[in-house]
């Protein structure tokens, strides 16, 4: 551990952070994250005028209901995303929508980050149904309250759209001018399809009702240990319709849940007959 930091930062401090974020959010940090933890939490120490990591962490433990816990979690969560990331999922989703008899077709985006993924879902829905107001409901959630605020605004720097086709840019975004030059805003048709909520996947109960045709839980499981993954995947399974699909990230594999999920293509899964018998009851 380096000692040339602005704040004293020991291996014991890092171990305490690892323990606290695991207990609060289920996130497992490995040794390679030591410097990331320092740089991100140092901002909180400056803001709160703490001299040491140990003092800040001790105060957190002594105040379990403090709003600072959310700032602590926000600082340590990673939010790498882009529009139509892993594009094959959106092609499959469009096919799923077109053959579905569900009205509305319900989607839960369980790690919405700054919003690029849920807005991509909304664009896919409008294009799949060829309707400005398709029969689709999208709930977009995240643990991090900061990124949820960004997502709800739907405002992005114009370079975030560089991989979108010109047609999609014109159909779904408004270009800013004057004080908003260099920025774009998602059009109302997209924003109206989305409902944003804060959800901690580790919570015993999620504020969700009814079943979903599709759940996007991509590049999230990699932050949890396998025991936590199993708990979350079982809860997701209970929320899926019998013909529903779970979309996961490119580096995630559900082989350890093969009794309950079967592959439906590249990083996409559906419930097994066993899971349907157990989880698909009303």
C-alpha atoms as a PDB file:
ATOM      1  CA  UNK A   1       0.000   0.000   0.000  1.00  0.00           C
ATOM      2  CA  UNK A   2       1.426   3.400  -0.951  1.00  0.00           C
ATOM      3  CA  UNK A   3       2.123   5.917   1.812  1.00  0.00           C
ATOM      4  CA  UNK A   4       2.517   9.057  -0.320  1.00  0.00           C
ATOM      5  CA  UNK A   5      -1.238   9.732  -0.325  1.00  0.00           C
ATOM      6  CA  UNK A   6      -2.919  12.894   0.866  1.00  0.00           C
ATOM      7  CA  UNK A   7      -4.737  10.762   3.458  1.00  0.00           C
ATOM      8  CA  UNK A   8      -3.319   7.899   5.488  1.00  0.00           C
ATOM      9  CA  UNK A   9      -4.595   4.723   3.813  1.00  0.00           C
ATOM     10  CA  UNK A  10      -3.685   1.292   5.139  1.00  0.00           C
ATOM     11  CA  UNK A  11      -4.388  -2.295   4.199  1.00  0.00           C
ATOM     12  CA  UNK A  12      -6.748  -2.406   7.170  1.00  0.00           C
ATOM     13  CA  UNK A  13      -8.670   0.549   5.721  1.00  0.00           C
ATOM     14  CA  UNK A  14      -9.033  -1.208   2.371  1.00  0.00           C
ATOM     15  CA  UNK A  15     -10.145  -4.418   4.101  1.00  0.00           C
ATOM     16  CA  UNK A  16     -12.785  -2.433   5.996  1.00  0.00           C
ATOM     17  CA  UNK A  17     -14.068  -0.867   2.768  1.00  0.00           C
ATOM     18  CA  UNK A  18     -14.248  -4.321   1.171  1.00  0.00           C
ATOM     19  CA  UNK A  19     -16.289  -5.581   4.122  1.00  0.00           C
ATOM     20  CA  UNK A  20     -18.648  -2.579   4.244  1.00  0.00           C
ATOM     21  CA  UNK A  21     -19.474  -2.470   0.519  1.00  0.00           C
ATOM     22  CA  UNK A  22     -20.049  -6.227   0.492  1.00  0.00           C
ATOM     23  CA  UNK A  23     -22.443  -6.063   3.437  1.00  0.00           C
ATOM     24  CA  UNK A  24     -24.326  -3.053   2.049  1.00  0.00           C
ATOM     25  CA  UNK A  25     -24.420  -3.815  -1.675  1.00  0.00           C
ATOM     26  CA  UNK A  26     -23.084  -7.326  -2.193  1.00  0.00           C
ATOM     27  CA  UNK A  27     -20.198  -5.975  -4.264  1.00  0.00           C
ATOM     28  CA  UNK A  28     -16.963  -7.950  -3.986  1.00  0.00           C
ATOM     29  CA  UNK A  29     -13.828  -5.815  -4.432  1.00  0.00           C
ATOM     30  CA  UNK A  30     -10.526  -7.578  -5.098  1.00  0.00           C
ATOM     31  CA  UNK A  31      -6.985  -6.462  -4.296  1.00  0.00           C
ATOM     32  CA  UNK A  32      -6.594  -4.754  -7.670  1.00  0.00           C
ATOM     33  CA  UNK A  33      -9.159  -2.131  -6.615  1.00  0.00           C
ATOM     34  CA  UNK A  34      -7.059  -0.624  -3.792  1.00  0.00           C
ATOM     35  CA  UNK A  35      -6.061   2.504  -5.707  1.00  0.00           C
ATOM     36  CA  UNK A  36      -9.552   2.961  -7.173  1.00  0.00           C
ATOM     37  CA  UNK A  37     -11.029   2.841  -3.658  1.00  0.00           C
ATOM     38  CA  UNK A  38      -8.567   5.457  -2.440  1.00  0.00           C
ATOM     39  CA  UNK A  39      -9.138   7.898  -5.306  1.00  0.00           C
ATOM     40  CA  UNK A  40     -12.925   7.666  -5.150  1.00  0.00           C
ATOM     41  CA  UNK A  41     -13.344   7.811  -1.380  1.00  0.00           C
ATOM     42  CA  UNK A  42     -10.725  10.551  -0.967  1.00  0.00           C
ATOM     43  CA  UNK A  43     -13.316  12.908  -2.480  1.00  0.00           C
ATOM     44  CA  UNK A  44     -15.722  12.043   0.346  1.00  0.00           C
ATOM     45  CA  UNK A  45     -13.012  12.636   2.963  1.00  0.00           C
ATOM     46  CA  UNK A  46     -12.308  16.079   1.488  1.00  0.00           C
ATOM     47  CA  UNK A  47     -16.006  16.940   1.309  1.00  0.00           C
ATOM     48  CA  UNK A  48     -16.574  15.935   4.935  1.00  0.00           C
ATOM     49  CA  UNK A  49     -13.188  17.250   6.140  1.00  0.00           C
ATOM     50  CA  UNK A  50     -11.906  13.949   7.503  1.00  0.00           C
ATOM     51  CA  UNK A  51      -8.171  13.545   8.030  1.00  0.00           C
ATOM     52  CA  UNK A  52      -8.054   9.745   7.881  1.00  0.00           C
ATOM     53  CA  UNK A  53      -9.805   6.862   6.164  1.00  0.00           C
ATOM     54  CA  UNK A  54     -10.143   5.054   9.473  1.00  0.00           C
ATOM     55  CA  UNK A  55     -12.041   7.986  10.981  1.00  0.00           C
ATOM     56  CA  UNK A  56     -14.429   8.190   8.031  1.00  0.00           C
ATOM     57  CA  UNK A  57     -15.075   4.446   8.006  1.00  0.00           C
ATOM     58  CA  UNK A  58     -15.549   4.330  11.772  1.00  0.00           C
ATOM     59  CA  UNK A  59     -18.132   7.123  11.536  1.00  0.00           C
ATOM     60  CA  UNK A  60     -20.017   5.202   8.817  1.00  0.00           C
ATOM     61  CA  UNK A  61     -20.218   2.112  11.016  1.00  0.00           C
ATOM     62  CA  UNK A  62     -21.448   4.170  13.937  1.00  0.00           C
ATOM     63  CA  UNK A  63     -24.172   5.813  11.820  1.00  0.00           C
ATOM     64  CA  UNK A  64     -25.846   2.977   9.853  1.00  0.00           C
ATOM     65  CA  UNK A  65     -28.813   5.132   8.802  1.00  0.00           C
ATOM     66  CA  UNK A  66     -26.823   8.115   7.571  1.00  0.00           C
ATOM     67  CA  UNK A  67     -27.384   9.422   4.042  1.00  0.00           C
ATOM     68  CA  UNK A  68     -23.599   9.269   3.661  1.00  0.00           C
ATOM     69  CA  UNK A  69     -23.940   5.532   3.063  1.00  0.00           C
ATOM     70  CA  UNK A  70     -25.512   6.294  -0.311  1.00  0.00           C
ATOM     71  CA  UNK A  71     -22.587   8.561  -1.179  1.00  0.00           C
ATOM     72  CA  UNK A  72     -20.203   5.786  -0.139  1.00  0.00           C
ATOM     73  CA  UNK A  73     -21.994   3.295  -2.424  1.00  0.00           C
ATOM     74  CA  UNK A  74     -22.234   5.786  -5.287  1.00  0.00           C
ATOM     75  CA  UNK A  75     -18.484   6.406  -5.090  1.00  0.00           C
ATOM     76  CA  UNK A  76     -17.606   2.721  -5.382  1.00  0.00           C
ATOM     77  CA  UNK A  77     -20.006   1.563  -8.082  1.00  0.00           C
ATOM     78  CA  UNK A  78     -18.800   1.353 -11.674  1.00  0.00           C
ATOM     79  CA  UNK A  79     -21.003   2.708 -14.456  1.00  0.00           C
ATOM     80  CA  UNK A  80     -19.534   1.764 -17.814  1.00  0.00           C
ATOM     81  CA  UNK A  81     -22.246   1.846 -20.473  1.00  0.00           C
ATOM     82  CA  UNK A  82     -23.129   2.996 -23.981  1.00  0.00           C
ATOM     83  CA  UNK A  83     -26.076   3.064 -26.368  1.00  0.00           C
ATOM     84  CA  UNK A  84     -26.859  -0.371 -27.870  1.00  0.00           C
ATOM     85  CA  UNK A  85     -23.955  -2.010 -26.073  1.00  0.00           C
ATOM     86  CA  UNK A  86     -23.890  -5.712 -27.049  1.00  0.00           C
ATOM     87  CA  UNK A  87     -26.218  -4.967 -29.934  1.00  0.00           C
ATOM     88  CA  UNK A  88     -27.263  -8.593 -30.541  1.00  0.00           C
ATOM     89  CA  UNK A  89     -29.457  -8.367 -27.437  1.00  0.00           C
ATOM     90  CA  UNK A  90     -31.514  -5.549 -28.903  1.00  0.00           C
ATOM     91  CA  UNK A  91     -32.011  -7.466 -32.163  1.00  0.00           C
ATOM     92  CA  UNK A  92     -33.310 -10.441 -30.180  1.00  0.00           C
ATOM     93  CA  UNK A  93     -35.473  -8.205 -28.015  1.00  0.00           C
ATOM     94  CA  UNK A  94     -37.107  -6.710 -31.124  1.00  0.00           C
ATOM     95  CA  UNK A  95     -37.943 -10.234 -32.337  1.00  0.00           C
ATOM     96  CA  UNK A  96     -39.263 -11.148 -28.900  1.00  0.00           C
ATOM     97  CA  UNK A  97     -41.530  -8.093 -28.867  1.00  0.00           C
ATOM     98  CA  UNK A  98     -42.881  -8.766 -32.347  1.00  0.00           C
ATOM     99  CA  UNK A  99     -43.903 -12.338 -31.575  1.00  0.00           C
ATOM    100  CA  UNK A 100     -45.216 -11.628 -28.069  1.00  0.00           C
ATOM    101  CA  UNK A 101     -48.898 -11.454 -27.216  1.00  0.00           C
ATOM    102  CA  UNK A 102     -48.151  -9.398 -24.088  1.00  0.00           C
ATOM    103  CA  UNK A 103     -49.756  -5.960 -23.958  1.00  0.00           C
ATOM    104  CA  UNK A 104     -48.031  -4.220 -22.424  1.00  0.00           C
ATOM    105  CA  UNK A 105     -44.712  -5.929 -23.007  1.00  0.00           C
ATOM    106  CA  UNK A 106     -42.852  -5.413 -19.720  1.00  0.00           C
ATOM    107  CA  UNK A 107     -39.099  -4.930 -19.353  1.00  0.00           C
ATOM    108  CA  UNK A 108     -36.974  -4.448 -16.257  1.00  0.00           C
ATOM    109  CA  UNK A 109     -33.549  -2.909 -16.824  1.00  0.00           C
ATOM    110  CA  UNK A 110     -31.876  -3.798 -13.519  1.00  0.00           C
ATOM    111  CA  UNK A 111     -28.671  -1.767 -13.937  1.00  0.00           C
ATOM    112  CA  UNK A 112     -29.627   1.350 -15.855  1.00  0.00           C
ATOM    113  CA  UNK A 113     -26.497   3.351 -14.998  1.00  0.00           C
ATOM    114  CA  UNK A 114     -26.623   6.756 -16.722  1.00  0.00           C
ATOM    115  CA  UNK A 115     -29.491   5.670 -18.965  1.00  0.00           C
ATOM    116  CA  UNK A 116     -27.969   4.597 -22.258  1.00  0.00           C
ATOM    117  CA  UNK A 117     -29.272   1.042 -21.866  1.00  0.00           C
ATOM    118  CA  UNK A 118     -32.913   1.882 -21.004  1.00  0.00           C
ATOM    119  CA  UNK A 119     -33.071   4.510 -23.757  1.00  0.00           C
ATOM    120  CA  UNK A 120     -31.748   1.873 -26.173  1.00  0.00           C
ATOM    121  CA  UNK A 121     -34.571  -0.401 -24.986  1.00  0.00           C
ATOM    122  CA  UNK A 122     -37.093   2.371 -25.628  1.00  0.00           C
ATOM    123  CA  UNK A 123     -35.727   3.008 -29.131  1.00  0.00           C
ATOM    124  CA  UNK A 124     -35.920  -0.728 -29.852  1.00  0.00           C
ATOM    125  CA  UNK A 125     -39.549  -0.802 -28.730  1.00  0.00           C
ATOM    126  CA  UNK A 126     -40.594   2.129 -30.911  1.00  0.00           C
ATOM    127  CA  UNK A 127     -38.854   0.608 -33.933  1.00  0.00           C
ATOM    128  CA  UNK A 128     -40.155  -2.928 -33.307  1.00  0.00           C
ATOM    129  CA  UNK A 129     -43.787  -1.832 -33.107  1.00  0.00           C
ATOM    130  CA  UNK A 130     -43.377   1.079 -35.547  1.00  0.00           C
ATOM    131  CA  UNK A 131     -45.372   3.188 -33.109  1.00  0.00           C
ATOM    132  CA  UNK A 132     -44.521   6.414 -31.280  1.00  0.00           C
ATOM    133  CA  UNK A 133     -46.305   4.978 -28.234  1.00  0.00           C
ATOM    134  CA  UNK A 134     -45.699   1.225 -28.327  1.00  0.00           C
ATOM    135  CA  UNK A 135     -47.464  -1.079 -25.822  1.00  0.00           C
ATOM    136  CA  UNK A 136     -44.344  -1.373 -23.697  1.00  0.00           C
ATOM    137  CA  UNK A 137     -43.463  -0.607 -20.077  1.00  0.00           C
ATOM    138  CA  UNK A 138     -39.820  -0.218 -19.051  1.00  0.00           C
ATOM    139  CA  UNK A 139     -38.709  -0.001 -15.441  1.00  0.00           C
ATOM    140  CA  UNK A 140     -35.101   1.134 -15.167  1.00  0.00           C
ATOM    141  CA  UNK A 141     -33.313   0.830 -11.844  1.00  0.00           C
ATOM    142  CA  UNK A 142     -29.896   1.243 -10.318  1.00  0.00           C
ATOM    143  CA  UNK A 143     -28.265   1.302  -6.917  1.00  0.00           C
ATOM    144  CA  UNK A 144     -26.475   4.595  -7.595  1.00  0.00           C
ATOM    145  CA  UNK A 145     -28.706   7.653  -7.112  1.00  0.00           C
ATOM    146  CA  UNK A 146     -26.341   9.960  -9.002  1.00  0.00           C
ATOM    147  CA  UNK A 147     -26.510   8.004 -12.249  1.00  0.00           C
ATOM    148  CA  UNK A 148     -30.289   7.661 -11.906  1.00  0.00           C
ATOM    149  CA  UNK A 149     -30.623  11.454 -11.882  1.00  0.00           C
ATOM    150  CA  UNK A 150     -28.553  11.661 -15.062  1.00  0.00           C
ATOM    151  CA  UNK A 151     -30.629   8.916 -16.676  1.00  0.00           C
ATOM    152  CA  UNK A 152     -33.950  10.563 -15.808  1.00  0.00           C
ATOM    153  CA  UNK A 153     -32.812  13.832 -17.416  1.00  0.00           C
ATOM    154  CA  UNK A 154     -31.892  12.090 -20.652  1.00  0.00           C
ATOM    155  CA  UNK A 155     -29.242  14.683 -21.523  1.00  0.00           C
ATOM    156  CA  UNK A 156     -25.925  13.547 -23.013  1.00  0.00           C
ATOM    157  CA  UNK A 157     -22.849  14.973 -24.663  1.00  0.00           C
ATOM    158  CA  UNK A 158     -23.192  14.631 -28.411  1.00  0.00           C
ATOM    159  CA  UNK A 159     -20.192  12.295 -28.657  1.00  0.00           C
ATOM    160  CA  UNK A 160     -22.169   9.633 -26.757  1.00  0.00           C
ATOM    161  CA  UNK A 161     -24.276   9.238 -29.915  1.00  0.00           C
ATOM    162  CA  UNK A 162     -21.393   8.782 -32.334  1.00  0.00           C
ATOM    163  CA  UNK A 163     -22.143   5.084 -32.927  1.00  0.00           C
ATOM    164  CA  UNK A 164     -25.862   5.654 -33.560  1.00  0.00           C
ATOM    165  CA  UNK A 165     -27.161   5.863 -37.108  1.00  0.00           C
ATOM    166  CA  UNK A 166     -28.116   9.282 -38.439  1.00  0.00           C
ATOM    167  CA  UNK A 167     -31.734   8.083 -38.580  1.00  0.00           C
ATOM    168  CA  UNK A 168     -31.771   7.202 -34.888  1.00  0.00           C
ATOM    169  CA  UNK A 169     -30.146  10.499 -33.955  1.00  0.00           C
ATOM    170  CA  UNK A 170     -32.822  12.410 -35.859  1.00  0.00           C
ATOM    171  CA  UNK A 171     -35.732  10.289 -34.681  1.00  0.00           C
ATOM    172  CA  UNK A 172     -34.926  10.112 -30.994  1.00  0.00           C
ATOM    173  CA  UNK A 173     -32.825  13.113 -29.908  1.00  0.00           C
ATOM    174  CA  UNK A 174     -32.993  16.901 -29.863  1.00  0.00           C
ATOM    175  CA  UNK A 175     -29.796  18.847 -30.445  1.00  0.00           C
ATOM    176  CA  UNK A 176     -28.978  21.566 -27.931  1.00  0.00           C
ATOM    177  CA  UNK A 177     -27.984  25.122 -28.798  1.00  0.00           C
ATOM    178  CA  UNK A 178     -26.538  28.167 -27.033  1.00  0.00           C
ATOM    179  CA  UNK A 179     -25.857  27.086 -23.418  1.00  0.00           C
ATOM    180  CA  UNK A 180     -26.619  23.475 -24.374  1.00  0.00           C
ATOM    181  CA  UNK A 181     -24.401  23.357 -27.435  1.00  0.00           C
ATOM    182  CA  UNK A 182     -22.630  20.035 -27.723  1.00  0.00           C
ATOM    183  CA  UNK A 183     -25.418  18.229 -25.913  1.00  0.00           C
ATOM    184  CA  UNK A 184     -28.527  16.268 -26.910  1.00  0.00           C
ATOM    185  CA  UNK A 185     -31.721  15.359 -25.101  1.00  0.00           C
ATOM    186  CA  UNK A 186     -33.770  12.189 -25.521  1.00  0.00           C
ATOM    187  CA  UNK A 187     -37.152  13.049 -27.020  1.00  0.00           C
ATOM    188  CA  UNK A 188     -40.297  12.878 -24.919  1.00  0.00           C
ATOM    189  CA  UNK A 189     -41.460   9.703 -26.697  1.00  0.00           C
ATOM    190  CA  UNK A 190     -38.449   7.875 -25.254  1.00  0.00           C
ATOM    191  CA  UNK A 191     -38.629   9.419 -21.804  1.00  0.00           C
ATOM    192  CA  UNK A 192     -42.338   8.594 -21.513  1.00  0.00           C
ATOM    193  CA  UNK A 193     -41.605   4.870 -21.867  1.00  0.00           C
ATOM    194  CA  UNK A 194     -39.251   4.821 -18.874  1.00  0.00           C
ATOM    195  CA  UNK A 195     -39.873   4.717 -15.145  1.00  0.00           C
ATOM    196  CA  UNK A 196     -36.745   5.140 -13.024  1.00  0.00           C
ATOM    197  CA  UNK A 197     -36.383   3.637  -9.545  1.00  0.00           C
ATOM    198  CA  UNK A 198     -33.597   3.055  -7.076  1.00  0.00           C
ATOM    199  CA  UNK A 199     -33.303  -0.671  -6.330  1.00  0.00           C
ATOM    200  CA  UNK A 200     -30.608  -2.451  -4.370  1.00  0.00           C
ATOM    201  CA  UNK A 201     -30.428  -5.989  -5.728  1.00  0.00           C
ATOM    202  CA  UNK A 202     -29.362  -7.118  -2.259  1.00  0.00           C
ATOM    203  CA  UNK A 203     -32.616  -5.967  -0.632  1.00  0.00           C
ATOM    204  CA  UNK A 204     -34.922  -8.721   0.616  1.00  0.00           C
ATOM    205  CA  UNK A 205     -37.838  -7.166  -1.266  1.00  0.00           C
ATOM    206  CA  UNK A 206     -37.780  -5.291  -4.548  1.00  0.00           C
ATOM    207  CA  UNK A 207     -40.470  -2.631  -5.201  1.00  0.00           C
ATOM    208  CA  UNK A 208     -41.687  -4.445  -8.304  1.00  0.00           C
ATOM    209  CA  UNK A 209     -45.040  -6.025  -9.037  1.00  0.00           C
ATOM    210  CA  UNK A 210     -46.215  -8.366 -11.751  1.00  0.00           C
ATOM    211  CA  UNK A 211     -44.150 -10.430 -14.160  1.00  0.00           C
ATOM    212  CA  UNK A 212     -41.733  -9.315 -16.867  1.00  0.00           C
ATOM    213  CA  UNK A 213     -41.300 -10.423 -20.466  1.00  0.00           C
ATOM    214  CA  UNK A 214     -37.635  -9.416 -20.401  1.00  0.00           C
ATOM    215  CA  UNK A 215     -35.098  -8.629 -17.705  1.00  0.00           C
ATOM    216  CA  UNK A 216     -31.809  -6.955 -18.612  1.00  0.00           C
ATOM    217  CA  UNK A 217     -29.304  -7.595 -15.820  1.00  0.00           C
ATOM    218  CA  UNK A 218     -26.083  -7.115 -17.731  1.00  0.00           C
ATOM    219  CA  UNK A 219     -22.548  -6.782 -16.394  1.00  0.00           C
ATOM    220  CA  UNK A 220     -23.810  -6.752 -12.808  1.00  0.00           C
ATOM    221  CA  UNK A 221     -23.310 -10.333 -11.621  1.00  0.00           C
ATOM    222  CA  UNK A 222     -19.552 -10.026 -12.073  1.00  0.00           C
ATOM    223  CA  UNK A 223     -19.464  -7.819  -8.964  1.00  0.00           C
ATOM    224  CA  UNK A 224     -21.111 -10.457  -6.731  1.00  0.00           C
ATOM    225  CA  UNK A 225     -19.848 -13.758  -5.363  1.00  0.00           C
ATOM    226  CA  UNK A 226     -21.625 -16.902  -6.537  1.00  0.00           C
ATOM    227  CA  UNK A 227     -23.771 -17.276  -3.401  1.00  0.00           C
ATOM    228  CA  UNK A 228     -25.133 -13.755  -3.921  1.00  0.00           C
ATOM    229  CA  UNK A 229     -25.605 -14.377  -7.640  1.00  0.00           C
ATOM    230  CA  UNK A 230     -27.765 -17.425  -6.902  1.00  0.00           C
ATOM    231  CA  UNK A 231     -30.020 -15.441  -4.574  1.00  0.00           C
ATOM    232  CA  UNK A 232     -30.478 -12.645  -7.128  1.00  0.00           C
ATOM    233  CA  UNK A 233     -31.042 -15.025 -10.042  1.00  0.00           C
ATOM    234  CA  UNK A 234     -33.697 -16.915  -8.121  1.00  0.00           C
ATOM    235  CA  UNK A 235     -35.529 -13.672  -7.349  1.00  0.00           C
ATOM    236  CA  UNK A 236     -35.298 -12.603 -11.003  1.00  0.00           C
ATOM    237  CA  UNK A 237     -36.621 -16.008 -12.062  1.00  0.00           C
ATOM    238  CA  UNK A 238     -39.723 -15.482  -9.940  1.00  0.00           C
ATOM    239  CA  UNK A 239     -40.356 -12.214 -11.808  1.00  0.00           C
ATOM    240  CA  UNK A 240     -40.028 -13.684 -15.308  1.00  0.00           C
ATOM    241  CA  UNK A 241     -43.030 -14.819 -17.315  1.00  0.00           C
ATOM    242  CA  UNK A 242     -42.877 -18.451 -18.452  1.00  0.00           C
ATOM    243  CA  UNK A 243     -41.709 -17.373 -21.910  1.00  0.00           C
ATOM    244  CA  UNK A 244     -39.668 -14.443 -20.591  1.00  0.00           C
ATOM    245  CA  UNK A 245     -35.972 -13.914 -21.293  1.00  0.00           C
ATOM    246  CA  UNK A 246     -33.069 -12.886 -19.082  1.00  0.00           C
ATOM    247  CA  UNK A 247     -30.304 -10.935 -20.825  1.00  0.00           C
ATOM    248  CA  UNK A 248     -26.883 -10.937 -19.124  1.00  0.00           C
ATOM    249  CA  UNK A 249     -23.464  -9.439 -19.863  1.00  0.00           C
ATOM    250  CA  UNK A 250     -20.863 -10.722 -22.308  1.00  0.00           C
ATOM    251  CA  UNK A 251     -18.610 -12.093 -19.540  1.00  0.00           C
ATOM    252  CA  UNK A 252     -21.405 -13.645 -17.475  1.00  0.00           C
ATOM    253  CA  UNK A 253     -22.467 -17.283 -17.577  1.00  0.00           C
ATOM    254  CA  UNK A 254     -25.284 -19.030 -15.735  1.00  0.00           C
ATOM    255  CA  UNK A 255     -23.849 -22.553 -15.929  1.00  0.00           C
ATOM    256  CA  UNK A 256     -24.037 -22.870 -12.136  1.00  0.00           C
ATOM    257  CA  UNK A 257     -27.812 -22.301 -12.396  1.00  0.00           C
ATOM    258  CA  UNK A 258     -28.343 -24.778 -15.227  1.00  0.00           C
ATOM    259  CA  UNK A 259     -31.156 -26.543 -13.347  1.00  0.00           C
ATOM    260  CA  UNK A 260     -33.157 -23.321 -13.505  1.00  0.00           C
ATOM    261  CA  UNK A 261     -31.989 -21.415 -16.584  1.00  0.00           C
ATOM    262  CA  UNK A 262     -31.312 -22.747 -20.070  1.00  0.00           C
ATOM    263  CA  UNK A 263     -29.528 -20.939 -22.852  1.00  0.00           C
ATOM    264  CA  UNK A 264     -31.604 -19.119 -25.442  1.00  0.00           C
ATOM    265  CA  UNK A 265     -28.719 -17.850 -27.503  1.00  0.00           C
ATOM    266  CA  UNK A 266     -25.707 -15.673 -26.837  1.00  0.00           C
ATOM    267  CA  UNK A 267     -25.790 -14.536 -23.167  1.00  0.00           C
ATOM    268  CA  UNK A 268     -29.572 -14.896 -23.085  1.00  0.00           C
ATOM    269  CA  UNK A 269     -31.530 -17.343 -20.935  1.00  0.00           C
ATOM    270  CA  UNK A 270     -35.037 -18.651 -20.364  1.00  0.00           C
ATOM    271  CA  UNK A 271     -36.509 -20.574 -17.460  1.00  0.00           C
ATOM    272  CA  UNK A 272     -36.145 -24.346 -17.395  1.00  0.00           C
ATOM    273  CA  UNK A 273     -39.198 -26.562 -16.904  1.00  0.00           C
ATOM    274  CA  UNK A 274     -38.085 -27.092 -13.305  1.00  0.00           C
ATOM    275  CA  UNK A 275     -37.906 -23.347 -12.694  1.00  0.00           C
ATOM    276  CA  UNK A 276     -41.310 -22.776 -14.279  1.00  0.00           C
ATOM    277  CA  UNK A 277     -42.836 -25.382 -11.989  1.00  0.00           C
ATOM    278  CA  UNK A 278     -41.325 -23.733  -8.940  1.00  0.00           C
ATOM    279  CA  UNK A 279     -41.237 -20.015  -9.778  1.00  0.00           C
ATOM    280  CA  UNK A 280     -43.939 -19.318 -12.353  1.00  0.00           C
ATOM    281  CA  UNK A 281     -46.896 -19.619 -10.029  1.00  0.00           C
ATOM    282  CA  UNK A 282     -48.945 -16.417  -9.663  1.00  0.00           C
END
